[in-house]
């Protein structure tokens, strides 16, 4: 007779991409049974057993829309000035 199947919580402990709840000890793959909620740009992952917030992500300062726009203009301006600089150089 084969040994009884282990619970998914125990199997999850062997995987690298596993989240653990510090309060109740629940373990599951990142794409497992966690309750994920996104509000605006903030993402929270809660334990399905005790509802503790396991992970909370907010956008970094680098990812703000204003910074993305400024970076796009910087790249555009750099390409534009490089283009004209290349045309004005003597061959």
Protein backbone atom coordinates (compact mmCIF):
# COMPACT_ATOMS: atom_id res chain seq x y z
CA UNK A 1 0.00 0.00 0.00
CA UNK A 2 1.30 3.47 -0.86
CA UNK A 3 1.83 6.19 1.76
CA UNK A 4 -0.94 8.79 2.12
CA UNK A 5 -0.70 11.87 -0.08
CA UNK A 6 0.71 14.91 1.66
CA UNK A 7 -1.24 18.14 1.86
CA UNK A 8 -0.64 20.90 -0.68
CA UNK A 9 0.71 23.04 2.15
CA UNK A 10 3.57 20.59 2.75
CA UNK A 11 4.24 20.26 -1.01
CA UNK A 12 4.48 24.04 -1.26
CA UNK A 13 7.38 24.10 1.22
CA UNK A 14 9.57 22.31 -1.33
CA UNK A 15 9.07 24.95 -4.05
CA UNK A 16 11.15 28.10 -4.39
CA UNK A 17 8.27 30.44 -5.23
CA UNK A 18 6.33 29.82 -2.03
CA UNK A 19 4.70 32.32 0.30
CA UNK A 20 4.38 31.62 4.00
CA UNK A 21 1.97 33.16 6.48
CA UNK A 22 3.86 34.19 9.59
CA UNK A 23 0.73 34.06 11.76
CA UNK A 24 -0.80 30.66 11.01
CA UNK A 25 1.98 28.89 9.08
CA UNK A 26 -0.01 28.41 5.87
CA UNK A 27 2.26 27.79 2.86
CA UNK A 28 1.28 27.84 -0.78
CA UNK A 29 2.83 28.65 -4.16
CA UNK A 30 2.72 32.31 -5.17
CA UNK A 31 0.02 31.47 -7.71
CA UNK A 32 -1.79 29.25 -5.20
CA UNK A 33 -4.81 29.94 -3.01
CA UNK A 34 -3.77 33.39 -1.71
CA UNK A 35 -6.36 36.17 -1.79
CA UNK A 36 -5.00 38.90 -4.08
CA UNK A 37 -6.55 42.36 -4.17
CA UNK A 38 -5.39 45.31 -6.23
CA UNK A 39 -6.50 48.83 -5.35
CA UNK A 40 -5.15 51.43 -7.73
CA UNK A 41 -1.46 50.61 -7.96
CA UNK A 42 -1.26 48.82 -4.60
CA UNK A 43 -1.41 45.02 -4.49
CA UNK A 44 -2.10 43.01 -1.32
CA UNK A 45 -1.84 39.28 -0.83
CA UNK A 46 -3.72 37.84 2.16
CA UNK A 47 -3.64 34.42 3.75
CA UNK A 48 -6.80 32.46 2.86
CA UNK A 49 -6.92 30.92 6.34
CA UNK A 50 -6.35 33.82 8.75
CA UNK A 51 -6.59 36.87 6.39
CA UNK A 52 -3.19 38.24 7.46
CA UNK A 53 -1.47 40.44 4.86
CA UNK A 54 1.44 38.33 3.63
CA UNK A 55 2.75 40.70 0.95
CA UNK A 56 1.99 44.28 0.00
CA UNK A 57 3.48 45.98 -3.03
CA UNK A 58 3.37 49.63 -3.96
CA UNK A 59 4.92 51.14 -7.04
CA UNK A 60 8.43 52.42 -6.56
CA UNK A 61 9.22 56.08 -7.20
CA UNK A 62 10.77 55.00 -10.49
CA UNK A 63 7.44 53.63 -11.75
CA UNK A 64 5.30 56.75 -11.29
CA UNK A 65 3.61 58.10 -14.43
CA UNK A 66 5.38 61.47 -14.13
CA UNK A 67 8.77 59.80 -13.91
CA UNK A 68 7.96 57.52 -16.87
CA UNK A 69 6.95 60.56 -18.92
CA UNK A 70 10.10 62.46 -17.95
CA UNK A 71 12.26 59.45 -18.85
CA UNK A 72 10.53 59.12 -22.25
CA UNK A 73 11.21 62.80 -22.99
CA UNK A 74 14.83 62.42 -21.89
CA UNK A 75 15.31 59.51 -24.30
CA UNK A 76 13.52 61.41 -27.09
CA UNK A 77 15.60 64.54 -26.54
CA UNK A 78 18.83 62.55 -26.41
CA UNK A 79 18.01 60.77 -29.68
CA UNK A 80 16.99 64.05 -31.35
CA UNK A 81 20.11 65.95 -30.33
CA UNK A 82 22.30 63.00 -31.31
CA UNK A 83 20.68 62.96 -34.74
CA UNK A 84 21.45 66.65 -35.33
CA UNK A 85 24.93 66.35 -33.85
CA UNK A 86 25.73 63.57 -36.34
CA UNK A 87 24.50 65.70 -39.28
CA UNK A 88 26.58 68.73 -38.34
CA UNK A 89 29.87 66.85 -37.98
CA UNK A 90 32.22 67.18 -40.93
CA UNK A 91 32.84 63.97 -42.82
